[in-house]
C-alpha atoms as a PDB file:
ATOM      1  CA  MET A   1     -14.673   0.898   9.859  1.00  0.00           C
ATOM      2  CA  PRO A   2     -12.588   0.856  13.027  1.00  0.00           C
ATOM      3  CA  VAL A   3      -9.979  -1.849  13.246  1.00  0.00           C
ATOM      4  CA  LYS A   4      -8.223  -2.721  16.459  1.00  0.00           C
ATOM      5  CA  GLN A   5      -4.830  -1.166  16.829  1.00  0.00           C
ATOM      6  CA  GLU A   6      -1.918  -3.242  18.054  1.00  0.00           C
ATOM      7  CA  THR A   7      -0.602  -2.114  21.407  1.00  0.00           C
ATOM      8  CA  ASN A   8       2.915  -3.397  20.904  1.00  0.00           C
ATOM      9  CA  LYS A   9       4.531  -1.630  17.984  1.00  0.00           C
ATOM     10  CA  GLN A  10       5.443  -3.894  15.115  1.00  0.00           C
ATOM     11  CA  LYS A  11       8.800  -3.239  13.509  1.00  0.00           C
ATOM     12  CA  ASN A  12       8.115  -2.631   9.843  1.00  0.00           C
ATOM     13  CA  TYR A  13      10.600  -3.979   7.362  1.00  0.00           C
ATOM     14  CA  PHE A  14      10.812  -2.245   4.017  1.00  0.00           C
ATOM     15  CA  VAL A  15      12.550  -3.698   0.981  1.00  0.00           C
ATOM     16  CA  VAL A  16      12.523  -0.760  -1.444  1.00  0.00           C
ATOM     17  CA  LEU A  17      11.718   2.223   0.751  1.00  0.00           C
ATOM     18  CA  TRP A  18      14.317   1.377   3.389  1.00  0.00           C
ATOM     19  CA  GLN A  19      16.237   4.659   3.617  1.00  0.00           C
ATOM     20  CA  GLU A  20      15.039   6.931   6.403  1.00  0.00           C
ATOM     21  CA  ASP A  21      15.478  10.017   4.191  1.00  0.00           C
ATOM     22  CA  ASP A  22      13.103   8.543   1.608  1.00  0.00           C
ATOM     23  CA  GLN A  23      10.619   7.608   4.324  1.00  0.00           C
ATOM     24  CA  ALA A  24      10.733  11.131   5.769  1.00  0.00           C
ATOM     25  CA  ARG A  25      10.361  12.669   2.296  1.00  0.00           C
ATOM     26  CA  LEU A  26       7.296  10.523   1.560  1.00  0.00           C
ATOM     27  CA  LYS A  27       5.708  11.283   4.924  1.00  0.00           C
ATOM     28  CA  GLY A  28       6.377  14.989   4.391  1.00  0.00           C
ATOM     29  CA  TRP A  29       4.703  14.900   0.976  1.00  0.00           C
ATOM     30  CA  TRP A  30       1.686  13.026   2.383  1.00  0.00           C
ATOM     31  CA  GLN A  31       1.336  15.435   5.327  1.00  0.00           C
ATOM     32  CA  ALA A  32       1.510  18.416   2.955  1.00  0.00           C
ATOM     33  CA  LEU A  33      -1.148  16.743   0.798  1.00  0.00           C
ATOM     34  CA  GLN A  34      -3.472  16.604   3.822  1.00  0.00           C
ATOM     35  CA  GLU A  35      -3.148  20.398   4.071  1.00  0.00           C
ATOM     36  CA  THR A  36      -3.969  20.979   0.384  1.00  0.00           C
ATOM     37  CA  PRO A  37      -7.476  19.553  -0.028  1.00  0.00           C
ATOM     38  CA  GLY A  38      -7.754  20.626  -3.664  1.00  0.00           C
ATOM     39  CA  GLU A  39      -4.684  18.631  -4.722  1.00  0.00           C
ATOM     40  CA  ARG A  40      -5.795  15.691  -2.622  1.00  0.00           C
ATOM     41  CA  ALA A  41      -9.271  15.751  -4.200  1.00  0.00           C
ATOM     42  CA  GLN A  42      -7.776  15.814  -7.706  1.00  0.00           C
ATOM     43  CA  LEU A  43      -5.704  12.733  -6.920  1.00  0.00           C
ATOM     44  CA  ARG A  44      -8.626  10.950  -5.263  1.00  0.00           C
ATOM     45  CA  ARG A  45     -10.734  11.340  -8.418  1.00  0.00           C
ATOM     46  CA  CYS A  46      -8.150   9.562 -10.577  1.00  0.00           C
ATOM     47  CA  GLU A  47      -9.290   6.153 -11.819  1.00  0.00           C
ATOM     48  CA  THR A  48      -5.897   4.915 -13.043  1.00  0.00           C
ATOM     49  CA  PRO A  49      -2.215   5.627 -12.387  1.00  0.00           C
ATOM     50  CA  ALA A  50      -2.092   7.230 -15.857  1.00  0.00           C
ATOM     51  CA  ASP A  51      -4.735   9.737 -14.696  1.00  0.00           C
ATOM     52  CA  VAL A  52      -2.521  10.602 -11.718  1.00  0.00           C
ATOM     53  CA  LEU A  53       0.404  11.504 -13.996  1.00  0.00           C
ATOM     54  CA  VAL A  54      -1.166  14.827 -15.019  1.00  0.00           C
ATOM     55  CA  GLN A  55      -2.071  16.003 -11.516  1.00  0.00           C
ATOM     56  CA  ARG A  56      -0.276  18.683  -9.547  1.00  0.00           C
ATOM     57  CA  GLY A  57       0.071  16.410  -6.504  1.00  0.00           C
ATOM     58  CA  PHE A  58       1.939  13.851  -8.584  1.00  0.00           C
ATOM     59  CA  HIS A  59       4.382  16.429  -9.912  1.00  0.00           C
ATOM     60  CA  ARG A  60       5.044  17.568  -6.363  1.00  0.00           C
ATOM     61  CA  ILE A  61       5.981  14.034  -5.244  1.00  0.00           C
ATOM     62  CA  SER A  62       7.975  13.344  -8.418  1.00  0.00           C
ATOM     63  CA  ARG A  63      10.264  16.255  -7.578  1.00  0.00           C
ATOM     64  CA  SER A  64      10.879  14.722  -4.160  1.00  0.00           C
ATOM     65  CA  PHE A  65      11.842  11.383  -5.740  1.00  0.00           C
ATOM     66  CA  PRO A  66      13.575  12.259  -9.039  1.00  0.00           C
ATOM     67  CA  TRP A  67      15.194   8.807  -9.336  1.00  0.00           C
ATOM     68  CA  TRP A  68      11.691   7.265  -9.542  1.00  0.00           C
ATOM     69  CA  ASN A  69      11.013   9.407 -12.579  1.00  0.00           C
ATOM     70  CA  LYS A  70      13.434   7.706 -14.978  1.00  0.00           C
ATOM     71  CA  GLN A  71      11.620   4.672 -16.430  1.00  0.00           C
ATOM     72  CA  ASP A  72       7.989   4.154 -17.425  1.00  0.00           C
ATOM     73  CA  ASP A  73       7.230   1.562 -14.752  1.00  0.00           C
ATOM     74  CA  ASP A  74       8.932   3.638 -12.067  1.00  0.00           C
ATOM     75  CA  VAL A  75       6.845   6.663 -13.014  1.00  0.00           C
ATOM     76  CA  LEU A  76       3.679   4.548 -12.865  1.00  0.00           C
ATOM     77  CA  ALA A  77       4.717   3.164  -9.470  1.00  0.00           C
ATOM     78  CA  LEU A  78       5.198   6.676  -8.122  1.00  0.00           C
ATOM     79  CA  ALA A  79       1.883   7.779  -9.668  1.00  0.00           C
ATOM     80  CA  MET A  80       0.180   4.848  -8.021  1.00  0.00           C
ATOM     81  CA  VAL A  81       1.722   5.736  -4.655  1.00  0.00           C
ATOM     82  CA  ALA A  82       0.442   9.311  -5.003  1.00  0.00           C
ATOM     83  CA  GLY A  83      -3.031   8.195  -6.061  1.00  0.00           C
ATOM     84  CA  VAL A  84      -3.462   5.513  -3.398  1.00  0.00           C
ATOM     85  CA  LEU A  85      -2.026   7.621  -0.575  1.00  0.00           C
ATOM     86  CA  SER A  86      -4.454  10.423  -1.432  1.00  0.00           C
ATOM     87  CA  HIS A  87      -7.166   8.102  -0.050  1.00  0.00           C
ATOM     88  CA  VAL A  88      -5.384   7.613   3.290  1.00  0.00           C
ATOM     89  CA  LYS A  89      -6.679  10.089   5.867  1.00  0.00           C
ATOM     90  CA  SER A  90      -4.652   8.994   8.893  1.00  0.00           C
ATOM     91  CA  GLU A  91      -1.711   6.774   9.692  1.00  0.00           C
ATOM     92  CA  PHE A  92      -1.890   3.314  11.239  1.00  0.00           C
ATOM     93  CA  PRO A  93       1.193   1.623  12.722  1.00  0.00           C
ATOM     94  CA  LEU A  94       0.607  -1.964  11.559  1.00  0.00           C
ATOM     95  CA  SER A  95       1.873  -2.994   8.125  1.00  0.00           C
ATOM     96  CA  PHE A  96      -0.823  -2.659   5.492  1.00  0.00           C
ATOM     97  CA  PRO A  97      -1.090  -6.363   4.572  1.00  0.00           C
ATOM     98  CA  ALA A  98      -1.268  -7.290   8.266  1.00  0.00           C
ATOM     99  CA  GLN A  99      -3.982  -4.678   8.733  1.00  0.00           C
ATOM    100  CA  LEU A 100      -5.957  -6.266   5.882  1.00  0.00           C
ATOM    101  CA  GLY A 101      -5.695  -9.619   7.657  1.00  0.00           C
ATOM    102  CA  GLN A 102      -6.951  -8.299  10.998  1.00  0.00           C
ATOM    103  CA  GLU A 103     -10.274  -9.487  12.319  1.00  0.00           C
ATOM    104  CA  LYS A 104     -13.227  -7.349  11.257  1.00  0.00           C
ATOM    105  CA  ASP A 105     -15.553  -6.443  14.129  1.00  0.00           C
ATOM    106  CA  ASN A 106     -15.077  -9.744  16.051  1.00  0.00           C
ATOM    107  CA  SER A 107     -16.601 -11.603  13.092  1.00  0.00           C
ATOM    108  CA  GLY A 108     -13.891 -14.221  12.731  1.00  0.00           C
ATOM    109  CA  LYS A 109     -13.306 -12.856   9.213  1.00  0.00           C
ATOM    110  CA  PRO A 110     -10.528 -10.599   7.935  1.00  0.00           C
ATOM    111  CA  VAL A 111     -10.994  -6.960   6.949  1.00  0.00           C
ATOM    112  CA  MET A 112     -10.219  -7.978   3.361  1.00  0.00           C
ATOM    113  CA  SER A 113     -11.517 -11.391   2.353  1.00  0.00           C
ATOM    114  CA  GLU A 114      -8.972 -13.997   1.328  1.00  0.00           C
ATOM    115  CA  LEU A 115     -10.412 -13.981  -2.196  1.00  0.00           C
ATOM    116  CA  ARG A 116      -9.976 -10.202  -2.564  1.00  0.00           C
ATOM    117  CA  PHE A 117      -6.506 -10.423  -1.029  1.00  0.00           C
ATOM    118  CA  GLN A 118      -5.491 -13.153  -3.483  1.00  0.00           C
ATOM    119  CA  GLN A 119      -6.842 -10.994  -6.323  1.00  0.00           C
ATOM    120  CA  LEU A 120      -4.687  -8.103  -5.106  1.00  0.00           C
ATOM    121  CA  LEU A 121      -1.622 -10.374  -5.067  1.00  0.00           C
ATOM    122  CA  ALA A 122      -2.446 -11.701  -8.547  1.00  0.00           C
ATOM    123  CA  SER A 123      -2.803  -8.245 -10.134  1.00  0.00           C
ATOM    124  CA  GLN A 124      -1.396  -8.366 -13.653  1.00  0.00           C
ATOM    125  CA  ASN A 125      -1.017  -4.658 -14.367  1.00  0.00           C
ATOM    126  CA  TRP A 126      -0.907  -1.241 -12.735  1.00  0.00           C
ATOM    127  CA  GLU A 127      -4.620  -0.586 -13.256  1.00  0.00           C
ATOM    128  CA  GLU A 128      -5.685  -3.812 -11.511  1.00  0.00           C
ATOM    129  CA  LEU A 129      -3.293  -3.175  -8.641  1.00  0.00           C
ATOM    130  CA  TYR A 130      -4.452   0.440  -8.323  1.00  0.00           C
ATOM    131  CA  SER A 131      -8.085  -0.597  -8.110  1.00  0.00           C
ATOM    132  CA  SER A 132      -7.299  -3.276  -5.504  1.00  0.00           C
ATOM    133  CA  PHE A 133      -5.229  -0.901  -3.367  1.00  0.00           C
ATOM    134  CA  ARG A 134      -7.879   1.814  -3.437  1.00  0.00           C
ATOM    135  CA  ARG A 135     -10.520  -0.714  -2.391  1.00  0.00           C
ATOM    136  CA  ALA A 136      -8.227  -1.993   0.365  1.00  0.00           C
ATOM    137  CA  VAL A 137      -7.638   1.504   1.787  1.00  0.00           C
ATOM    138  CA  HIS A 138     -11.390   2.044   2.016  1.00  0.00           C
ATOM    139  CA  LEU A 139     -11.858  -1.343   3.695  1.00  0.00           C
ATOM    140  CA  VAL A 140      -9.561  -0.291   6.536  1.00  0.00           C
ATOM    141  CA  GLY A 141     -11.446   2.954   7.059  1.00  0.00           C
ATOM    142  CA  ASP A 142      -8.922   5.200   5.284  1.00  0.00           C
ATOM    143  CA  ALA A 143      -6.315   4.772   8.069  1.00  0.00           C
ATOM    144  CA  ALA A 144      -3.226   2.896   6.899  1.00  0.00           C
ATOM    145  CA  ASN A 145       0.548   2.648   7.073  1.00  0.00           C
ATOM    146  CA  ILE A 146       1.634   4.896   4.218  1.00  0.00           C
ATOM    147  CA  LEU A 147       5.205   3.598   4.144  1.00  0.00           C
ATOM    148  CA  SER A 148       4.003  -0.001   3.960  1.00  0.00           C
ATOM    149  CA  ILE A 149       1.665   0.847   1.077  1.00  0.00           C
ATOM    150  CA  ALA A 150       4.374   2.699  -0.858  1.00  0.00           C
ATOM    151  CA  ASP A 151       6.983  -0.007  -0.286  1.00  0.00           C
ATOM    152  CA  GLY A 152       4.512  -2.665  -1.422  1.00  0.00           C
ATOM    153  CA  ILE A 153       3.737  -0.765  -4.614  1.00  0.00           C
ATOM    154  CA  PHE A 154       7.419  -0.203  -5.404  1.00  0.00           C
ATOM    155  CA  LEU A 155       8.189  -3.859  -4.615  1.00  0.00           C
ATOM    156  CA  TRP A 156       5.330  -5.077  -6.848  1.00  0.00           C
ATOM    157  CA  GLY A 157       6.757  -2.924  -9.648  1.00  0.00           C
ATOM    158  CA  ARG A 158      10.206  -4.432  -9.226  1.00  0.00           C
ATOM    159  CA  ASP A 159       8.796  -7.944  -9.226  1.00  0.00           C
ATOM    160  CA  LYS A 160       6.852  -7.220 -12.425  1.00  0.00           C
ATOM    161  CA  LYS A 161       9.989  -5.864 -14.123  1.00  0.00           C
ATOM    162  CA  ASN A 162      11.650  -9.212 -13.361  1.00  0.00           C
ATOM    163  CA  LEU A 163      13.983  -7.678 -10.840  1.00  0.00           C
ATOM    164  CA  LEU A 164      12.947 -10.481  -8.517  1.00  0.00           C
ATOM    165  CA  ASN A 165      14.980 -10.953  -5.430  1.00  0.00           C
ATOM    166  CA  GLU A 166      16.707 -14.331  -5.336  1.00  0.00           C
ATOM    167  CA  ASN A 167      15.212 -14.798  -1.884  1.00  0.00           C
ATOM    168  CA  PRO A 168      11.480 -15.481  -2.373  1.00  0.00           C
ATOM    169  CA  ARG A 169      10.874 -14.201   1.162  1.00  0.00           C
ATOM    170  CA  LYS A 170      11.709 -10.710  -0.112  1.00  0.00           C
ATOM    171  CA  ARG A 171       9.200 -10.744  -2.961  1.00  0.00           C
ATOM    172  CA  PHE A 172       5.940  -8.813  -2.849  1.00  0.00           C
ATOM    173  CA  SER A 173       3.526 -11.741  -2.902  1.00  0.00           C
ATOM    174  CA  PHE A 174       5.305 -13.746  -0.207  1.00  0.00           C
ATOM    175  CA  MET A 175       5.915 -10.810   2.119  1.00  0.00           C
ATOM    176  CA  TRP A 176       2.349  -9.562   1.880  1.00  0.00           C
ATOM    177  CA  ALA A 177       0.810 -13.034   2.195  1.00  0.00           C
ATOM    178  CA  ASP A 178       3.020 -13.758   5.207  1.00  0.00           C
ATOM    179  CA  ALA A 179       1.900 -10.570   6.990  1.00  0.00           C
ATOM    180  CA  TYR A 180      -1.774 -11.060   6.057  1.00  0.00           C
ATOM    181  CA  TYR A 181      -1.971 -14.690   7.154  1.00  0.00           C
ATOM    182  CA  GLY A 182       0.127 -13.968  10.231  1.00  0.00           C
ATOM    183  CA  GLU A 183      -2.687 -11.691  11.425  1.00  0.00           C
ATOM    184  CA  LEU A 184      -5.475 -13.958  10.214  1.00  0.00           C
ATOM    185  CA  PHE A 185      -4.101 -16.989  12.084  1.00  0.00           C
ATOM    186  CA  LYS A 186      -4.146 -15.039  15.355  1.00  0.00           C
ATOM    187  CA  TYR A 187      -7.943 -15.262  15.498  1.00  0.00           C
ATOM    188  CA  GLN A 188      -8.960 -18.010  13.071  1.00  0.00           C
ATOM    189  CA  LYS A 189      -8.654 -21.630  14.075  1.00  0.00           C
ATOM    190  CA  GLU A 190      -7.842 -24.299  11.540  1.00  0.00           C
ATOM    191  CA  THR A 191     -10.915 -26.233  10.474  1.00  0.00           C
ATOM    192  CA  LYS A 192     -10.593 -29.900   9.699  1.00  0.00           C
ATOM    193  CA  SER A 193     -12.171 -31.130   6.502  1.00  0.00           C
END
């Protein structure tokens, strides 16, 4: 489903994936994945992050990010990044949560409904989050900001490990809700009850 593309480039702000070397490494892995359809297909068939852990494409990315391979949750975060990004066919400049909040086909409704978006934010475990992210990528027509997706996944993992930032504005749920509703409010008018 085509979604309008912003003409003025939005500056993306990343909390976890902020180093340019890491961003370049992730983009390089994703671009190489596009050129290896067999690996990409294996990752796309995975139903859970645990399924991703035994795939060749995961082991390729884990060697690019060895520091994300130390703890269980970090490994699952990286597996989730690999699995979700295998569903992205092309890049989109807008942050992923903002893209989900964009208007769908001049309908006055967002690409991802508020209910589905709130369910994504309320995910309690890696499997729920993985399912929500995969659904979200398909809702935007398989074109998404890969760095925004990866940063969101890593940030969600940190929040769940109780490594919460003291500043609530730098937590996953606030940052994603702020971007989503920022887009939604551009086209939806407040209704009075």
